[in-house]
Amino acid sequence: VQRLFDFFETSDFELVLRLVWQASNVNRSLEIPDERTHQAYVRVRDSLIQAVRSVHPEYEQVTQHLPNMYQYLKGFDTVLSLNYDLLIYWT
């Protein structure tokens, strides 16, 4: 996994996942057997899940803050979350 991030000089999980997914599709379209690319995708995906879990609080840790967050957010017509933060979803 780290080799992929190093090669593409990025820390962007979505970019690496998309690139590996595209590589898998190219291999499949050209009928190139390539289990290694699929395994790389799985490893990057699992690493992303681990990274999110390691930094994101558990629901029980933030429950008391959700009503205040709700009061703040309801003042907006639209709220978008463009990352893996579940706080907006929970609110």
PDB file of N, CA and C in Angstrom:
ATOM      1  N   VAL A   1       0.839  -1.196   0.000  1.00  0.00           N
ATOM      2  CA  VAL A   1       0.000   0.000   0.000  1.00  0.00           C
ATOM      3  C   VAL A   1       0.878   1.251   0.000  1.00  0.00           C
ATOM      4  N   GLN A   2       1.865   1.273   0.875  1.00  0.00           N
ATOM      5  CA  GLN A   2       2.721   2.460   0.964  1.00  0.00           C
ATOM      6  C   GLN A   2       3.448   2.727  -0.346  1.00  0.00           C
ATOM      7  N   ARG A   3       3.830   1.675  -1.047  1.00  0.00           N
ATOM      8  CA  ARG A   3       4.511   1.859  -2.336  1.00  0.00           C
ATOM      9  C   ARG A   3       3.631   2.611  -3.327  1.00  0.00           C
ATOM     10  N   LEU A   4       2.330   2.338  -3.306  1.00  0.00           N
ATOM     11  CA  LEU A   4       1.414   3.043  -4.204  1.00  0.00           C
ATOM     12  C   LEU A   4       1.352   4.534  -3.869  1.00  0.00           C
ATOM     13  N   PHE A   5       1.220   4.841  -2.580  1.00  0.00           N
ATOM     14  CA  PHE A   5       1.174   6.245  -2.173  1.00  0.00           C
ATOM     15  C   PHE A   5       2.479   6.947  -2.520  1.00  0.00           C
ATOM     16  N   ASP A   6       3.592   6.265  -2.298  1.00  0.00           N
ATOM     17  CA  ASP A   6       4.901   6.847  -2.614  1.00  0.00           C
ATOM     18  C   ASP A   6       5.055   7.058  -4.118  1.00  0.00           C
ATOM     19  N   PHE A   7       4.663   6.067  -4.905  1.00  0.00           N
ATOM     20  CA  PHE A   7       4.817   6.156  -6.353  1.00  0.00           C
ATOM     21  C   PHE A   7       4.039   7.338  -6.925  1.00  0.00           C
ATOM     22  N   PHE A   8       2.809   7.518  -6.461  1.00  0.00           N
ATOM     23  CA  PHE A   8       1.964   8.599  -6.972  1.00  0.00           C
ATOM     24  C   PHE A   8       2.148   9.904  -6.193  1.00  0.00           C
ATOM     25  N   GLU A   9       3.060   9.877  -5.218  1.00  0.00           N
ATOM     26  CA  GLU A   9       3.386  11.065  -4.429  1.00  0.00           C
ATOM     27  C   GLU A   9       2.124  11.736  -3.886  1.00  0.00           C
ATOM     28  N   THR A  10       1.346  10.953  -3.158  1.00  0.00           N
ATOM     29  CA  THR A  10       0.086  11.456  -2.622  1.00  0.00           C
ATOM     30  C   THR A  10      -0.220  10.794  -1.288  1.00  0.00           C
ATOM     31  N   SER A  11      -1.108  11.410  -0.547  1.00  0.00           N
ATOM     32  CA  SER A  11      -1.662  10.790   0.659  1.00  0.00           C
ATOM     33  C   SER A  11      -3.169  10.639   0.503  1.00  0.00           C
ATOM     34  N   ASP A  12      -3.657  10.829  -0.711  1.00  0.00           N
ATOM     35  CA  ASP A  12      -5.086  10.815  -1.031  1.00  0.00           C
ATOM     36  C   ASP A  12      -5.564   9.380  -1.295  1.00  0.00           C
ATOM     37  N   PHE A  13      -6.281   8.829  -0.325  1.00  0.00           N
ATOM     38  CA  PHE A  13      -6.791   7.466  -0.471  1.00  0.00           C
ATOM     39  C   PHE A  13      -7.695   7.317  -1.684  1.00  0.00           C
ATOM     40  N   GLU A  14      -8.583   8.293  -1.896  1.00  0.00           N
ATOM     41  CA  GLU A  14      -9.528   8.188  -3.012  1.00  0.00           C
ATOM     42  C   GLU A  14      -8.810   8.135  -4.351  1.00  0.00           C
ATOM     43  N   LEU A  15      -7.762   8.942  -4.491  1.00  0.00           N
ATOM     44  CA  LEU A  15      -6.994   8.931  -5.735  1.00  0.00           C
ATOM     45  C   LEU A  15      -6.365   7.565  -5.965  1.00  0.00           C
ATOM     46  N   VAL A  16      -5.721   7.030  -4.953  1.00  0.00           N
ATOM     47  CA  VAL A  16      -5.061   5.730  -5.107  1.00  0.00           C
ATOM     48  C   VAL A  16      -6.084   4.639  -5.376  1.00  0.00           C
ATOM     49  N   LEU A  17      -7.205   4.657  -4.670  1.00  0.00           N
ATOM     50  CA  LEU A  17      -8.249   3.659  -4.919  1.00  0.00           C
ATOM     51  C   LEU A  17      -8.744   3.741  -6.361  1.00  0.00           C
ATOM     52  N   ARG A  18      -8.978   4.972  -6.846  1.00  0.00           N
ATOM     53  CA  ARG A  18      -9.463   5.137  -8.219  1.00  0.00           C
ATOM     54  C   ARG A  18      -8.432   4.645  -9.236  1.00  0.00           C
ATOM     55  N   LEU A  19      -7.166   4.964  -9.003  1.00  0.00           N
ATOM     56  CA  LEU A  19      -6.119   4.529  -9.932  1.00  0.00           C
ATOM     57  C   LEU A  19      -6.001   3.005  -9.979  1.00  0.00           C
ATOM     58  N   VAL A  20      -6.044   2.376  -8.819  1.00  0.00           N
ATOM     59  CA  VAL A  20      -5.934   0.911  -8.781  1.00  0.00           C
ATOM     60  C   VAL A  20      -7.180   0.278  -9.398  1.00  0.00           C
ATOM     61  N   TRP A  21      -8.351   0.860  -9.141  1.00  0.00           N
ATOM     62  CA  TRP A  21      -9.591   0.353  -9.746  1.00  0.00           C
ATOM     63  C   TRP A  21      -9.515   0.454 -11.266  1.00  0.00           C
ATOM     64  N   GLN A  22      -9.015   1.602 -11.753  1.00  0.00           N
ATOM     65  CA  GLN A  22      -8.881   1.777 -13.196  1.00  0.00           C
ATOM     66  C   GLN A  22      -7.877   0.780 -13.784  1.00  0.00           C
ATOM     67  N   ALA A  23      -6.785   0.544 -13.081  1.00  0.00           N
ATOM     68  CA  ALA A  23      -5.801  -0.433 -13.551  1.00  0.00           C
ATOM     69  C   ALA A  23      -6.431  -1.811 -13.643  1.00  0.00           C
ATOM     70  N   SER A  24      -7.254  -2.156 -12.658  1.00  0.00           N
ATOM     71  CA  SER A  24      -7.944  -3.456 -12.700  1.00  0.00           C
ATOM     72  C   SER A  24      -8.862  -3.550 -13.909  1.00  0.00           C
ATOM     73  N   ASN A  25      -9.567  -2.469 -14.193  1.00  0.00           N
ATOM     74  CA  ASN A  25     -10.464  -2.472 -15.359  1.00  0.00           C
ATOM     75  C   ASN A  25      -9.692  -2.583 -16.667  1.00  0.00           C
ATOM     76  N   VAL A  26      -8.565  -1.908 -16.756  1.00  0.00           N
ATOM     77  CA  VAL A  26      -7.735  -2.014 -17.961  1.00  0.00           C
ATOM     78  C   VAL A  26      -7.261  -3.451 -18.127  1.00  0.00           C
ATOM     79  N   ASN A  27      -6.764  -4.039 -17.054  1.00  0.00           N
ATOM     80  CA  ASN A  27      -6.298  -5.427 -17.123  1.00  0.00           C
ATOM     81  C   ASN A  27      -7.413  -6.372 -17.521  1.00  0.00           C
ATOM     82  N   ARG A  28      -8.584  -6.158 -16.945  1.00  0.00           N
ATOM     83  CA  ARG A  28      -9.720  -7.027 -17.274  1.00  0.00           C
ATOM     84  C   ARG A  28     -10.123  -6.869 -18.741  1.00  0.00           C
ATOM     85  N   SER A  29     -10.142  -5.621 -19.228  1.00  0.00           N
ATOM     86  CA  SER A  29     -10.545  -5.393 -20.619  1.00  0.00           C
ATOM     87  C   SER A  29      -9.554  -5.993 -21.607  1.00  0.00           C
ATOM     88  N   LEU A  30      -8.284  -6.039 -21.214  1.00  0.00           N
ATOM     89  CA  LEU A  30      -7.256  -6.624 -22.082  1.00  0.00           C
ATOM     90  C   LEU A  30      -7.022  -8.105 -21.782  1.00  0.00           C
ATOM     91  N   GLU A  31      -7.867  -8.634 -20.897  1.00  0.00           N
ATOM     92  CA  GLU A  31      -7.792 -10.039 -20.497  1.00  0.00           C
ATOM     93  C   GLU A  31      -6.422 -10.393 -19.930  1.00  0.00           C
ATOM     94  N   ILE A  32      -5.907  -9.498 -19.104  1.00  0.00           N
ATOM     95  CA  ILE A  32      -4.634  -9.717 -18.419  1.00  0.00           C
ATOM     96  C   ILE A  32      -4.963 -10.189 -17.002  1.00  0.00           C
ATOM     97  N   PRO A  33      -4.654 -11.425 -16.685  1.00  0.00           N
ATOM     98  CA  PRO A  33      -4.927 -11.882 -15.317  1.00  0.00           C
ATOM     99  C   PRO A  33      -4.055 -11.105 -14.322  1.00  0.00           C
ATOM    100  N   ASP A  34      -4.694 -10.581 -13.303  1.00  0.00           N
ATOM    101  CA  ASP A  34      -3.936  -9.737 -12.391  1.00  0.00           C
ATOM    102  C   ASP A  34      -4.590  -9.689 -11.017  1.00  0.00           C
ATOM    103  N   GLU A  35      -4.394 -10.726 -10.254  1.00  0.00           N
ATOM    104  CA  GLU A  35      -4.917 -10.777  -8.889  1.00  0.00           C
ATOM    105  C   GLU A  35      -4.200  -9.768  -7.995  1.00  0.00           C
ATOM    106  N   ARG A  36      -2.968  -9.468  -8.318  1.00  0.00           N
ATOM    107  CA  ARG A  36      -2.174  -8.556  -7.491  1.00  0.00           C
ATOM    108  C   ARG A  36      -2.800  -7.160  -7.443  1.00  0.00           C
ATOM    109  N   THR A  37      -3.315  -6.680  -8.554  1.00  0.00           N
ATOM    110  CA  THR A  37      -3.953  -5.361  -8.579  1.00  0.00           C
ATOM    111  C   THR A  37      -5.212  -5.368  -7.730  1.00  0.00           C
ATOM    112  N   HIS A  38      -5.995  -6.417  -7.822  1.00  0.00           N
ATOM    113  CA  HIS A  38      -7.205  -6.520  -6.993  1.00  0.00           C
ATOM    114  C   HIS A  38      -6.839  -6.541  -5.508  1.00  0.00           C
ATOM    115  N   GLN A  39      -5.818  -7.294  -5.160  1.00  0.00           N
ATOM    116  CA  GLN A  39      -5.380  -7.345  -3.766  1.00  0.00           C
ATOM    117  C   GLN A  39      -4.880  -5.983  -3.282  1.00  0.00           C
ATOM    118  N   ALA A  40      -4.224  -5.238  -4.159  1.00  0.00           N
ATOM    119  CA  ALA A  40      -3.773  -3.891  -3.793  1.00  0.00           C
ATOM    120  C   ALA A  40      -4.972  -3.002  -3.492  1.00  0.00           C
ATOM    121  N   TYR A  41      -6.014  -3.114  -4.309  1.00  0.00           N
ATOM    122  CA  TYR A  41      -7.231  -2.329  -4.079  1.00  0.00           C
ATOM    123  C   TYR A  41      -7.825  -2.663  -2.708  1.00  0.00           C
ATOM    124  N   VAL A  42      -7.928  -3.933  -2.417  1.00  0.00           N
ATOM    125  CA  VAL A  42      -8.491  -4.383  -1.142  1.00  0.00           C
ATOM    126  C   VAL A  42      -7.648  -3.855   0.017  1.00  0.00           C
ATOM    127  N   ARG A  43      -6.345  -3.905  -0.119  1.00  0.00           N
ATOM    128  CA  ARG A  43      -5.463  -3.435   0.961  1.00  0.00           C
ATOM    129  C   ARG A  43      -5.576  -1.927   1.172  1.00  0.00           C
ATOM    130  N   VAL A  44      -5.649  -1.165   0.077  1.00  0.00           N
ATOM    131  CA  VAL A  44      -5.804   0.283   0.208  1.00  0.00           C
ATOM    132  C   VAL A  44      -7.156   0.606   0.840  1.00  0.00           C
ATOM    133  N   ARG A  45      -8.195  -0.055   0.393  1.00  0.00           N
ATOM    134  CA  ARG A  45      -9.538   0.157   0.965  1.00  0.00           C
ATOM    135  C   ARG A  45      -9.549  -0.156   2.454  1.00  0.00           C
ATOM    136  N   ASP A  46      -8.959  -1.277   2.824  1.00  0.00           N
ATOM    137  CA  ASP A  46      -8.918  -1.664   4.236  1.00  0.00           C
ATOM    138  C   ASP A  46      -8.068  -0.691   5.059  1.00  0.00           C
ATOM    139  N   SER A  47      -7.012  -0.170   4.457  1.00  0.00           N
ATOM    140  CA  SER A  47      -6.179   0.813   5.148  1.00  0.00           C
ATOM    141  C   SER A  47      -6.954   2.108   5.388  1.00  0.00           C
ATOM    142  N   LEU A  48      -7.759   2.491   4.414  1.00  0.00           N
ATOM    143  CA  LEU A  48      -8.600   3.680   4.584  1.00  0.00           C
ATOM    144  C   LEU A  48      -9.581   3.478   5.739  1.00  0.00           C
ATOM    145  N   ILE A  49     -10.200   2.331   5.789  1.00  0.00           N
ATOM    146  CA  ILE A  49     -11.137   2.023   6.870  1.00  0.00           C
ATOM    147  C   ILE A  49     -10.425   2.084   8.216  1.00  0.00           C
ATOM    148  N   GLN A  50      -9.248   1.497   8.296  1.00  0.00           N
ATOM    149  CA  GLN A  50      -8.468   1.531   9.547  1.00  0.00           C
ATOM    150  C   GLN A  50      -8.104   2.962   9.938  1.00  0.00           C
ATOM    151  N   ALA A  51      -7.706   3.768   8.961  1.00  0.00           N
ATOM    152  CA  ALA A  51      -7.322   5.151   9.246  1.00  0.00           C
ATOM    153  C   ALA A  51      -8.506   5.935   9.794  1.00  0.00           C
ATOM    154  N   VAL A  52      -9.668   5.772   9.186  1.00  0.00           N
ATOM    155  CA  VAL A  52     -10.860   6.481   9.662  1.00  0.00           C
ATOM    156  C   VAL A  52     -11.215   6.019  11.067  1.00  0.00           C
ATOM    157  N   ARG A  53     -11.193   4.731  11.288  1.00  0.00           N
ATOM    158  CA  ARG A  53     -11.524   4.211  12.622  1.00  0.00           C
ATOM    159  C   ARG A  53     -10.545   4.686  13.689  1.00  0.00           C
ATOM    160  N   SER A  54      -9.291   4.865  13.311  1.00  0.00           N
ATOM    161  CA  SER A  54      -8.288   5.240  14.312  1.00  0.00           C
ATOM    162  C   SER A  54      -8.426   6.689  14.763  1.00  0.00           C
ATOM    163  N   VAL A  55      -9.005   7.553  13.935  1.00  0.00           N
ATOM    164  CA  VAL A  55      -9.105   8.969  14.304  1.00  0.00           C
ATOM    165  C   VAL A  55     -10.527   9.423  14.614  1.00  0.00           C
ATOM    166  N   HIS A  56     -11.513   8.668  14.199  1.00  0.00           N
ATOM    167  CA  HIS A  56     -12.899   9.095  14.388  1.00  0.00           C
ATOM    168  C   HIS A  56     -13.402   8.666  15.761  1.00  0.00           C
ATOM    169  N   PRO A  57     -14.092   9.582  16.466  1.00  0.00           N
ATOM    170  CA  PRO A  57     -14.633   9.196  17.777  1.00  0.00           C
ATOM    171  C   PRO A  57     -15.779   8.201  17.637  1.00  0.00           C
ATOM    172  N   GLU A  58     -15.986   7.446  18.685  1.00  0.00           N
ATOM    173  CA  GLU A  58     -17.131   6.542  18.737  1.00  0.00           C
ATOM    174  C   GLU A  58     -18.392   7.368  18.995  1.00  0.00           C
ATOM    175  N   TYR A  59     -19.513   6.862  18.553  1.00  0.00           N
ATOM    176  CA  TYR A  59     -20.791   7.559  18.716  1.00  0.00           C
ATOM    177  C   TYR A  59     -21.022   7.951  20.174  1.00  0.00           C
ATOM    178  N   GLU A  60     -20.749   7.032  21.082  1.00  0.00           N
ATOM    179  CA  GLU A  60     -20.981   7.276  22.503  1.00  0.00           C
ATOM    180  C   GLU A  60     -20.138   8.433  23.039  1.00  0.00           C
ATOM    181  N   GLN A  61     -19.016   8.704  22.414  1.00  0.00           N
ATOM    182  CA  GLN A  61     -18.130   9.773  22.859  1.00  0.00           C
ATOM    183  C   GLN A  61     -18.644  11.163  22.496  1.00  0.00           C
ATOM    184  N   VAL A  62     -19.540  11.254  21.530  1.00  0.00           N
ATOM    185  CA  VAL A  62     -19.998  12.562  21.051  1.00  0.00           C
ATOM    186  C   VAL A  62     -21.496  12.776  21.216  1.00  0.00           C
ATOM    187  N   THR A  63     -22.195  11.798  21.738  1.00  0.00           N
ATOM    188  CA  THR A  63     -23.648  11.870  21.837  1.00  0.00           C
ATOM    189  C   THR A  63     -24.114  13.173  22.485  1.00  0.00           C
ATOM    190  N   GLN A  64     -23.457  13.592  23.546  1.00  0.00           N
ATOM    191  CA  GLN A  64     -23.909  14.789  24.261  1.00  0.00           C
ATOM    192  C   GLN A  64     -23.744  16.063  23.443  1.00  0.00           C
ATOM    193  N   HIS A  65     -22.888  16.040  22.415  1.00  0.00           N
ATOM    194  CA  HIS A  65     -22.655  17.220  21.586  1.00  0.00           C
ATOM    195  C   HIS A  65     -23.613  17.301  20.387  1.00  0.00           C
ATOM    196  N   LEU A  66     -24.262  16.225  20.053  1.00  0.00           N
ATOM    197  CA  LEU A  66     -25.089  16.190  18.845  1.00  0.00           C
ATOM    198  C   LEU A  66     -26.245  17.176  18.871  1.00  0.00           C
ATOM    199  N   PRO A  67     -26.951  17.370  19.982  1.00  0.00           N
ATOM    200  CA  PRO A  67     -28.033  18.373  19.973  1.00  0.00           C
ATOM    201  C   PRO A  67     -27.536  19.790  19.647  1.00  0.00           C
ATOM    202  N   ASN A  68     -26.383  20.180  20.193  1.00  0.00           N
ATOM    203  CA  ASN A  68     -25.833  21.505  19.879  1.00  0.00           C
ATOM    204  C   ASN A  68     -25.415  21.588  18.417  1.00  0.00           C
ATOM    205  N   MET A  69     -24.840  20.513  17.921  1.00  0.00           N
ATOM    206  CA  MET A  69     -24.450  20.486  16.511  1.00  0.00           C
ATOM    207  C   MET A  69     -25.676  20.597  15.623  1.00  0.00           C
ATOM    208  N   TYR A  70     -26.725  19.907  16.001  1.00  0.00           N
ATOM    209  CA  TYR A  70     -27.984  19.967  15.245  1.00  0.00           C
ATOM    210  C   TYR A  70     -28.512  21.404  15.215  1.00  0.00           C
ATOM    211  N   GLN A  71     -28.539  22.064  16.363  1.00  0.00           N
ATOM    212  CA  GLN A  71     -29.042  23.440  16.434  1.00  0.00           C
ATOM    213  C   GLN A  71     -28.225  24.353  15.516  1.00  0.00           C
ATOM    214  N   TYR A  72     -26.929  24.159  15.485  1.00  0.00           N
ATOM    215  CA  TYR A  72     -26.074  24.968  14.624  1.00  0.00           C
ATOM    216  C   TYR A  72     -26.340  24.666  13.149  1.00  0.00           C
ATOM    217  N   LEU A  73     -26.368  23.397  12.798  1.00  0.00           N
ATOM    218  CA  LEU A  73     -26.492  23.011  11.389  1.00  0.00           C
ATOM    219  C   LEU A  73     -27.856  23.313  10.795  1.00  0.00           C
ATOM    220  N   LYS A  74     -28.899  23.318  11.608  1.00  0.00           N
ATOM    221  CA  LYS A  74     -30.231  23.550  11.046  1.00  0.00           C
ATOM    222  C   LYS A  74     -30.402  24.982  10.558  1.00  0.00           C
ATOM    223  N   GLY A  75     -29.443  25.840  10.858  1.00  0.00           N
ATOM    224  CA  GLY A  75     -29.473  27.202  10.344  1.00  0.00           C
ATOM    225  C   GLY A  75     -29.061  27.307   8.879  1.00  0.00           C
ATOM    226  N   PHE A  76     -28.626  26.216   8.291  1.00  0.00           N
ATOM    227  CA  PHE A  76     -28.192  26.206   6.893  1.00  0.00           C
ATOM    228  C   PHE A  76     -29.228  25.487   6.030  1.00  0.00           C
ATOM    229  N   ASP A  77     -29.404  25.950   4.813  1.00  0.00           N
ATOM    230  CA  ASP A  77     -30.312  25.274   3.880  1.00  0.00           C
ATOM    231  C   ASP A  77     -29.723  23.963   3.390  1.00  0.00           C
ATOM    232  N   THR A  78     -28.416  23.936   3.219  1.00  0.00           N
ATOM    233  CA  THR A  78     -27.740  22.747   2.705  1.00  0.00           C
ATOM    234  C   THR A  78     -26.474  22.507   3.517  1.00  0.00           C
ATOM    235  N   VAL A  79     -26.246  21.258   3.875  1.00  0.00           N
ATOM    236  CA  VAL A  79     -25.029  20.871   4.573  1.00  0.00           C
ATOM    237  C   VAL A  79     -24.433  19.699   3.825  1.00  0.00           C
ATOM    238  N   LEU A  80     -23.191  19.830   3.428  1.00  0.00           N
ATOM    239  CA  LEU A  80     -22.497  18.767   2.711  1.00  0.00           C
ATOM    240  C   LEU A  80     -21.323  18.285   3.538  1.00  0.00           C
ATOM    241  N   SER A  81     -21.095  17.015   3.510  1.00  0.00           N
ATOM    242  CA  SER A  81     -19.905  16.446   4.117  1.00  0.00           C
ATOM    243  C   SER A  81     -19.138  15.729   3.022  1.00  0.00           C
ATOM    244  N   LEU A  82     -17.939  16.179   2.778  1.00  0.00           N
ATOM    245  CA  LEU A  82     -17.145  15.621   1.689  1.00  0.00           C
ATOM    246  C   LEU A  82     -16.018  14.733   2.190  1.00  0.00           C
ATOM    247  N   ASN A  83     -16.139  14.264   3.414  1.00  0.00           N
ATOM    248  CA  ASN A  83     -15.103  13.389   3.939  1.00  0.00           C
ATOM    249  C   ASN A  83     -15.752  12.225   4.677  1.00  0.00           C
ATOM    250  N   TYR A  84     -14.981  11.535   5.471  1.00  0.00           N
ATOM    251  CA  TYR A  84     -15.478  10.341   6.141  1.00  0.00           C
ATOM    252  C   TYR A  84     -15.937  10.617   7.569  1.00  0.00           C
ATOM    253  N   ASP A  85     -16.205  11.871   7.855  1.00  0.00           N
ATOM    254  CA  ASP A  85     -16.644  12.257   9.193  1.00  0.00           C
ATOM    255  C   ASP A  85     -18.115  11.892   9.372  1.00  0.00           C
ATOM    256  N   LEU A  86     -18.390  11.038  10.326  1.00  0.00           N
ATOM    257  CA  LEU A  86     -19.762  10.605  10.580  1.00  0.00           C
ATOM    258  C   LEU A  86     -20.547  11.597  11.443  1.00  0.00           C
ATOM    259  N   LEU A  87     -19.892  12.601  11.979  1.00  0.00           N
ATOM    260  CA  LEU A  87     -20.577  13.527  12.870  1.00  0.00           C
ATOM    261  C   LEU A  87     -21.749  14.230  12.192  1.00  0.00           C
ATOM    262  N   ILE A  88     -21.568  14.666  10.975  1.00  0.00           N
ATOM    263  CA  ILE A  88     -22.663  15.317  10.245  1.00  0.00           C
ATOM    264  C   ILE A  88     -23.804  14.337  10.041  1.00  0.00           C
ATOM    265  N   TYR A  89     -23.495  13.143   9.658  1.00  0.00           N
ATOM    266  CA  TYR A  89     -24.512  12.105   9.458  1.00  0.00           C
ATOM    267  C   TYR A  89     -25.254  11.843  10.764  1.00  0.00           C
ATOM    268  N   TRP A  90     -24.549  11.693  11.865  1.00  0.00           N
ATOM    269  CA  TRP A  90     -25.178  11.419  13.155  1.00  0.00           C
ATOM    270  C   TRP A  90     -26.032  12.586  13.611  1.00  0.00           C
ATOM    271  N   THR A  91     -25.588  13.814  13.302  1.00  0.00           N
ATOM    272  CA  THR A  91     -26.322  15.001  13.714  1.00  0.00           C
ATOM    273  C   THR A  91     -27.629  15.084  12.951  1.00  0.00           C
TER     274      THR A  91
END
